[in-house]
Amino acid sequence: MPPGNHVMIRSPWKSNTMIRFLKRWQKKRAVRELQLRIDHCRKTIADVEKALSAEELRPEIALPFRRLGAALERVDVSQLDEPELEKIETATNKLLSEFRTLYLQGKLKNIHTGLLH
């Protein structure tokens, strides 16, 4: 056979195996990404709930955060998809925005003491 005229023989087993491997890898990667995002929501909720509990405000103010945090602990990320996670993130952000007024009025201290990004 002259140089440059190579014939590739593909094994259907190897191709199917590779495709299955790539699909599993993509699924695991997507689940890891969702896990990171849900963990961030959990951490944010826990930080806010802890800060609100430490404040000398009415205890019932921390209750929505406690409930949301408990609900997030029961979420099975492997059963979650992107739109569902976006709803969780939206709910978390909406709850945080409701407390923004108290923060801007100086009735709540800064919850996050680390680096901002």
Protein backbone atom coordinates (compact mmCIF):
# COMPACT_ATOMS: atom_id res chain seq x y z
CA MET A 1 0.00 0.00 0.00
CA PRO A 2 1.45 3.42 -0.93
CA PRO A 3 2.23 5.89 1.88
CA GLY A 4 -0.70 8.09 2.88
CA ASN A 5 -3.36 5.58 1.84
CA HIS A 6 -3.99 3.98 5.20
CA VAL A 7 -7.15 2.06 5.83
CA MET A 8 -8.56 2.30 9.33
CA ILE A 9 -10.42 -0.73 10.55
CA ARG A 10 -12.66 0.15 13.45
CA SER A 11 -13.92 -2.38 15.84
CA PRO A 12 -17.60 -1.83 16.62
CA TRP A 13 -16.94 -3.08 20.16
CA LYS A 14 -14.31 -0.40 20.78
CA SER A 15 -16.49 2.35 19.31
CA ASN A 16 -19.53 1.37 21.37
CA THR A 17 -17.41 1.00 24.49
CA MET A 18 -15.88 4.43 23.96
CA ILE A 19 -19.29 6.01 23.41
CA ARG A 20 -20.66 4.42 26.60
CA PHE A 21 -17.56 5.55 28.49
CA LEU A 22 -17.92 9.13 27.25
CA LYS A 23 -21.62 9.22 28.13
CA ARG A 24 -20.92 7.95 31.67
CA TRP A 25 -18.09 10.47 32.04
CA GLN A 26 -20.33 13.33 30.87
CA LYS A 27 -23.09 12.26 33.28
CA LYS A 28 -20.64 12.08 36.21
CA ARG A 29 -19.24 15.47 35.30
CA ALA A 30 -22.72 17.00 35.12
CA VAL A 31 -23.64 15.47 38.50
CA ARG A 32 -20.42 16.85 40.05
CA GLU A 33 -21.24 20.32 38.73
CA LEU A 34 -24.77 20.15 40.10
CA GLN A 35 -23.37 18.88 43.42
CA LEU A 36 -21.04 21.88 43.66
CA ARG A 37 -23.89 24.27 42.94
CA ILE A 38 -26.27 22.69 45.45
CA ASP A 39 -23.47 22.59 48.04
CA HIS A 40 -22.95 26.32 47.50
CA CYS A 41 -26.67 26.94 48.12
CA ARG A 42 -26.53 24.78 51.27
CA LYS A 43 -23.47 26.62 52.58
CA THR A 44 -25.00 30.02 51.86
CA ILE A 45 -28.24 29.07 53.61
CA ALA A 46 -26.35 27.61 56.60
CA ASP A 47 -24.20 30.76 56.91
CA VAL A 48 -27.23 33.04 56.79
CA GLU A 49 -29.19 30.91 59.25
CA LYS A 50 -26.23 30.87 61.64
CA ALA A 51 -25.80 34.64 61.41
CA LEU A 52 -29.50 35.28 61.89
CA SER A 53 -29.63 32.96 64.89
CA ALA A 54 -26.72 34.86 66.45
CA GLU A 55 -28.47 38.21 65.95
CA GLU A 56 -30.75 39.48 68.68
CA LEU A 57 -33.71 39.51 66.30
CA ARG A 58 -36.83 37.44 66.55
CA PRO A 59 -35.96 33.73 66.21
CA GLU A 60 -38.67 33.16 63.61
CA ILE A 61 -36.65 35.23 61.12
CA ALA A 62 -34.16 32.35 60.79
CA LEU A 63 -36.94 29.76 60.35
CA PRO A 64 -37.27 30.00 56.52
CA PHE A 65 -33.52 29.48 56.20
CA ARG A 66 -33.61 26.52 58.56
CA ARG A 67 -36.43 24.94 56.53
CA LEU A 68 -34.73 25.59 53.21
CA GLY A 69 -31.45 24.17 54.51
CA ALA A 70 -33.23 21.03 55.77
CA ALA A 71 -34.95 20.61 52.39
CA LEU A 72 -31.65 21.00 50.52
CA GLU A 73 -30.08 18.29 52.68
CA ARG A 74 -32.65 15.83 51.32
CA VAL A 75 -31.98 16.64 47.65
CA ASP A 76 -30.56 13.73 45.65
CA VAL A 77 -28.32 15.45 43.13
CA SER A 78 -28.24 12.40 40.85
CA GLN A 79 -32.00 12.87 40.34
CA LEU A 80 -31.72 16.63 39.78
CA ASP A 81 -31.56 18.38 36.42
CA GLU A 82 -30.49 21.88 35.40
CA PRO A 83 -33.95 23.56 35.45
CA GLU A 84 -34.69 22.16 38.91
CA LEU A 85 -31.38 23.40 40.27
CA GLU A 86 -31.99 26.82 38.75
CA LYS A 87 -35.29 26.94 40.68
CA ILE A 88 -33.42 26.15 43.91
CA GLU A 89 -30.83 28.83 43.17
CA THR A 90 -33.58 31.33 42.34
CA ALA A 91 -35.41 30.54 45.59
CA THR A 92 -32.17 30.95 47.55
CA ASN A 93 -31.44 34.30 45.89
CA LYS A 94 -35.01 35.52 46.43
CA LEU A 95 -34.85 34.67 50.12
CA LEU A 96 -31.51 36.48 50.41
CA SER A 97 -32.88 39.54 48.63
CA GLU A 98 -35.68 39.79 51.19
CA PHE A 99 -33.05 40.28 53.89
CA ARG A 100 -31.11 42.85 51.88
CA THR A 101 -33.31 45.66 53.20
CA LEU A 102 -32.45 44.75 56.81
CA TYR A 103 -28.77 44.69 55.91
CA LEU A 104 -28.91 48.05 54.12
CA GLN A 105 -30.72 49.58 57.11
CA GLY A 106 -27.91 48.36 59.36
CA LYS A 107 -30.18 45.98 61.26
CA LEU A 108 -28.10 42.97 60.20
CA LYS A 109 -24.35 42.66 60.19
CA ASN A 110 -22.32 41.44 57.22
CA ILE A 111 -22.70 37.67 57.08
CA HIS A 112 -19.77 36.91 54.81
CA THR A 113 -16.44 37.67 56.39
CA GLY A 114 -14.21 36.05 53.75
CA LEU A 115 -12.99 37.28 50.40
CA LEU A 116 -15.54 38.59 47.95
CA HIS A 117 -15.45 37.48 44.36
